[in-house]
């Protein structure tokens, strides 16, 4: 351990700077570390963050990639500063403390623990991760199309249709890049979407019921889309971490990057709308 590093805490990064950092870097090129307690993590965390309470940092270093930047946060910035000091002392070179912590974060937060959403995959009979991912993409496509019937404004209908087209594009890329040789289609896996599962492990029917009368404006639609894409990014990131090196991890990393792109698009559109 380098004792001199105990007197430094790495570079500070404001929440806005952290958000810009995430926007310009592919999702699989950096790590987000939440050093709070499990209960705090469950109440709300950044999408894709790995939970590692500060007291566990030095005993779980093997879970971190030393070659990637580390963005560390806690509730208000105190524990994350301490965690950054420990990481620097252990030889991690690019460590950033998100000043102000999650209380200063203005973006989407994900609720639930590290196993949130995984029960959907344990309970359903998917032959492999490709079929599972394909069914989730189709589920979200059907959700966006279903929501079109709940909005009166034609412009908002077209925007929902565009979001559905994004998911159709995801499905096409999944088939091109990851489909097994015996994949025959489309019909079987689109049928699996009838289970109600959508990206992020959420239930489509519950979402439809909850937002039945709450999609009166483009802002409402954007807020819903941001919530869904952030939840999906979080789940795919956790699945990638839990997967062995190989095709499954590659698939989940790919999906996480795609969700990060969609999330960036939606948040930029919302920012522009609110600035008008």
Foldseek 3Di string as FASTA:
>chain_A
DPPVLLVFQAAEAELVRVLVVLLVDFPVQAAEEEQEDQVVLQAWDFFLYDYHHLVRLVVPVVLDDLRGAYEYFYQQQPSSSNSSSVVVRVPRDHYYTHHGGPVRNPAHIDHHGLCPLVVVVVPDDDPDVLLVQLLQLLLQLVLLQVCLVQEDDPVLSVVSNVVSVLSVVVNVVSCVPPNDPPAPDDVVSPVVNVVQHHQLNDGSVVVCVVCNNPPHDSLSVLVVLLNRLSSNLRNLSSQLSVDDPDDSNVVSSVSNSSSSNVNSVSVVVNVVVVVD
